[in-house]
Amino acid sequence: MTAVTQISDGRRQRTERSRKAMIDAALALIQEGNFAPTAREIAERAGVGIRSFFRQFEDMDSLFLAVDAQISASVVDSFLNRGERDGTLGERLASLVTTYTDAFETHRNLLVATKSLRWSSQVLKDNYARYQKQSLNNKETWIPEFKSLSDEERQLADAYLSFEMWHRIREIQGMSVPDARAVILTAFRKLI
């Protein structure tokens, strides 16, 4: 290996470490409750200069793409690949609600940040729309009875088990997790 190759490899590794540090910093700030971290805050947390940030990420949407690439498998798994999908309608509904609400609780700050930044980011708008479509398909696969509802009722069923509804009944109305789950299950039982 030549000296030039070693220098080039070292720079590439340092660049990759810096990039990962910035992604991790953005996630850490969000988990701490900073739902709209700035490039400067992320760079400071990562221990890099603001120019380094913009060498890695052309704009905040570029950062959002990188964050999504790092965490999407874990987030999607917590919604789509957990829970019991067999049993009576009541058992499946309870499993669906528990699975989704566990994921909402786990990813709360990330979901709040996405909601708060979505208006200004095409990447977040596109990701949100894609995840909503996946979620609706998952809910209707888990509870095929949803497919027999009218279009309006299907939309209502989807809304009952949305982060927006969960956030409202947990944060705004101040319900506990068990009480909030009971409210959603009651709504589903009245709908189906």
Protein backbone atom coordinates (compact mmCIF):
# COMPACT_ATOMS: atom_id res chain seq x y z
CA MET A 1 0.00 0.00 0.00
CA THR A 2 1.41 3.38 -0.94
CA ALA A 3 1.57 6.40 1.34
CA VAL A 4 -0.97 8.21 -0.85
CA THR A 5 -3.43 5.31 -0.55
CA GLN A 6 -2.98 5.22 3.23
CA ILE A 7 -3.63 8.97 3.50
CA SER A 8 -6.67 8.64 1.25
CA ASP A 9 -8.01 5.71 3.31
CA GLY A 10 -7.39 7.63 6.52
CA ARG A 11 -9.29 10.66 5.22
CA ARG A 12 -12.17 8.49 4.06
CA GLN A 13 -12.37 6.77 7.44
CA ARG A 14 -12.25 10.12 9.25
CA THR A 15 -14.99 11.45 6.95
CA GLU A 16 -17.15 8.39 7.65
CA ARG A 17 -16.59 8.76 11.41
CA SER A 18 -17.52 12.45 11.25
CA ARG A 19 -20.63 11.71 9.22
CA LYS A 20 -21.75 9.02 11.67
CA ALA A 21 -21.01 11.34 14.60
CA MET A 22 -23.26 14.00 13.08
CA ILE A 23 -26.09 11.54 12.47
CA ASP A 24 -25.73 10.22 16.03
CA ALA A 25 -25.64 13.80 17.36
CA ALA A 26 -28.88 14.67 15.55
CA LEU A 27 -30.57 11.59 17.00
CA ALA A 28 -29.24 12.31 20.50
CA LEU A 29 -30.51 15.89 20.40
CA ILE A 30 -33.93 14.70 19.28
CA GLN A 31 -34.06 12.03 21.99
CA GLU A 32 -33.23 14.75 24.53
CA GLY A 33 -36.24 16.76 23.38
CA ASN A 34 -34.72 19.15 20.84
CA PHE A 35 -37.25 18.46 18.09
CA ALA A 36 -35.67 20.81 15.55
CA PRO A 37 -31.89 20.74 16.04
CA THR A 38 -29.96 23.17 13.89
CA ALA A 39 -26.91 22.33 11.81
CA ARG A 40 -24.80 24.30 14.30
CA GLU A 41 -26.17 22.37 17.30
CA ILE A 42 -25.57 19.06 15.54
CA ALA A 43 -22.03 20.03 14.53
CA GLU A 44 -21.22 21.17 18.08
CA ARG A 45 -22.57 17.95 19.58
CA ALA A 46 -20.62 15.89 17.05
CA GLY A 47 -17.44 17.83 17.76
CA VAL A 48 -17.02 19.10 14.20
CA GLY A 49 -17.15 22.51 12.59
CA ILE A 50 -20.19 23.85 10.81
CA ARG A 51 -18.30 23.74 7.51
CA SER A 52 -17.66 20.03 8.07
CA PHE A 53 -21.39 19.58 8.54
CA PHE A 54 -22.17 21.20 5.20
CA ARG A 55 -19.40 19.28 3.44
CA GLN A 56 -21.17 16.11 4.53
CA PHE A 57 -24.76 17.30 4.19
CA GLU A 58 -25.74 19.77 1.49
CA ASP A 59 -28.82 20.75 3.50
CA MET A 60 -30.98 19.47 6.32
CA ASP A 61 -32.89 17.18 3.94
CA SER A 62 -29.59 15.42 3.20
CA LEU A 63 -29.16 14.87 6.93
CA PHE A 64 -32.75 13.60 7.23
CA LEU A 65 -32.06 11.05 4.48
CA ALA A 66 -28.95 9.85 6.31
CA VAL A 67 -30.78 9.64 9.65
CA ASP A 68 -33.61 7.70 7.99
CA ALA A 69 -31.13 5.29 6.42
CA GLN A 70 -29.61 4.62 9.84
CA ILE A 71 -32.81 4.11 11.83
CA SER A 72 -35.59 3.10 9.43
CA ALA A 73 -35.10 -0.66 9.76
CA SER A 74 -35.39 -0.47 13.55
CA VAL A 75 -38.39 1.87 13.50
CA VAL A 76 -40.25 -0.10 10.83
CA ASP A 77 -39.52 -3.36 12.66
CA SER A 78 -41.10 -2.05 15.86
CA PHE A 79 -44.38 -1.36 14.03
CA LEU A 80 -44.55 -4.01 11.33
CA ASN A 81 -42.77 -7.10 12.61
CA ARG A 82 -43.90 -7.49 16.19
CA GLY A 83 -47.07 -8.63 17.89
CA GLU A 84 -49.38 -11.64 17.67
CA ARG A 85 -51.32 -11.79 14.43
CA ASP A 86 -53.37 -14.92 15.14
CA GLY A 87 -56.37 -15.35 17.39
CA THR A 88 -59.80 -13.85 17.80
CA LEU A 89 -60.59 -10.37 16.57
CA GLY A 90 -60.34 -9.08 20.14
CA GLU A 91 -56.94 -10.71 20.66
CA ARG A 92 -55.59 -9.37 17.37
CA LEU A 93 -56.91 -5.87 18.09
CA ALA A 94 -55.28 -5.90 21.53
CA SER A 95 -52.00 -7.09 20.03
CA LEU A 96 -52.13 -4.46 17.27
CA VAL A 97 -52.83 -1.66 19.73
CA THR A 98 -50.12 -2.82 22.14
CA THR A 99 -47.55 -3.19 19.37
CA TYR A 100 -48.22 0.21 17.86
CA THR A 101 -48.46 2.05 21.15
CA ASP A 102 -45.24 0.44 22.41
CA ALA A 103 -43.58 1.71 19.22
CA PHE A 104 -45.14 5.16 19.67
CA GLU A 105 -43.75 5.32 23.20
CA THR A 106 -40.31 4.08 22.13
CA HIS A 107 -40.01 6.46 19.18
CA ARG A 108 -42.01 9.34 20.65
CA ASN A 109 -39.38 12.07 20.32
CA LEU A 110 -38.44 11.01 16.81
CA LEU A 111 -42.09 11.07 15.76
CA VAL A 112 -42.67 14.48 17.38
CA ALA A 113 -39.57 15.84 15.61
CA THR A 114 -40.80 14.46 12.29
CA LYS A 115 -44.20 16.08 12.82
CA SER A 116 -42.64 19.42 13.77
CA LEU A 117 -40.24 19.50 10.80
CA ARG A 118 -42.40 17.86 8.14
CA TRP A 119 -43.82 21.15 6.88
CA SER A 120 -40.35 22.35 5.84
CA SER A 121 -38.86 19.15 4.45
CA GLN A 122 -39.80 17.30 1.29
CA VAL A 123 -37.80 14.29 2.51
CA LEU A 124 -39.81 14.11 5.72
CA LYS A 125 -43.10 14.60 3.83
CA ASP A 126 -42.21 11.78 1.44
CA ASN A 127 -40.99 9.48 4.23
CA TYR A 128 -44.08 10.18 6.30
CA ALA A 129 -46.40 9.39 3.39
CA ARG A 130 -44.51 6.16 2.64
CA TYR A 131 -44.59 5.03 6.28
CA GLN A 132 -48.30 5.87 6.57
CA LYS A 133 -49.05 3.72 3.54
CA GLN A 134 -46.99 0.84 4.99
CA SER A 135 -48.75 1.24 8.31
CA LEU A 136 -52.24 1.16 6.79
CA ASN A 137 -51.38 -1.95 4.78
CA ASN A 138 -50.00 -3.56 7.94
CA LYS A 139 -53.10 -2.74 9.98
CA GLU A 140 -55.39 -4.14 7.28
CA THR A 141 -53.32 -7.31 6.97
CA TRP A 142 -53.34 -7.74 10.75
CA ILE A 143 -57.06 -6.99 11.03
CA PRO A 144 -58.62 -8.01 7.68
CA GLU A 145 -62.00 -6.99 9.09
CA PHE A 146 -60.95 -3.37 8.45
CA LYS A 147 -61.25 -4.03 4.71
CA SER A 148 -64.99 -4.66 5.04
CA LEU A 149 -65.54 -1.18 6.49
CA SER A 150 -66.64 1.76 4.36
CA ASP A 151 -63.88 4.07 3.11
CA GLU A 152 -64.76 6.62 5.80
CA GLU A 153 -64.68 3.97 8.53
CA ARG A 154 -61.34 2.62 7.26
CA GLN A 155 -59.90 6.13 7.45
CA LEU A 156 -61.28 6.45 10.96
CA ALA A 157 -59.76 3.10 12.00
CA ASP A 158 -56.41 4.25 10.64
CA ALA A 159 -56.71 7.53 12.55
CA TYR A 160 -57.58 5.76 15.82
CA LEU A 161 -54.20 4.05 15.78
CA SER A 162 -52.08 6.94 14.56
CA PHE A 163 -49.30 8.73 16.38
CA GLU A 164 -51.36 11.92 16.17
CA MET A 165 -54.19 10.31 18.15
CA TRP A 166 -51.78 8.65 20.57
CA HIS A 167 -49.89 11.89 21.19
CA ARG A 168 -53.14 13.74 21.81
CA ILE A 169 -54.55 11.31 24.36
CA ARG A 170 -51.19 10.79 26.09
CA GLU A 171 -49.72 14.29 26.10
CA ILE A 172 -52.64 16.67 25.74
CA GLN A 173 -55.31 14.71 27.60
CA GLY A 174 -52.77 13.25 30.05
CA MET A 175 -53.92 9.63 29.92
CA SER A 176 -51.76 6.79 31.16
CA VAL A 177 -50.61 4.13 28.69
CA PRO A 178 -53.19 1.55 29.90
CA ASP A 179 -56.03 4.08 29.82
CA ALA A 180 -55.05 5.38 26.38
CA ARG A 181 -54.92 1.82 25.03
CA ALA A 182 -58.35 1.12 26.51
CA VAL A 183 -59.78 4.20 24.77
CA ILE A 184 -58.42 3.08 21.39
CA LEU A 185 -59.67 -0.48 21.85
CA THR A 186 -63.12 0.81 22.82
CA ALA A 187 -63.21 2.95 19.68
CA PHE A 188 -62.22 -0.04 17.53
CA ARG A 189 -64.84 -2.28 19.11
CA LYS A 190 -67.54 0.28 18.36
CA LEU A 191 -66.36 0.59 14.78
CA ILE A 192 -66.10 -3.10 13.88
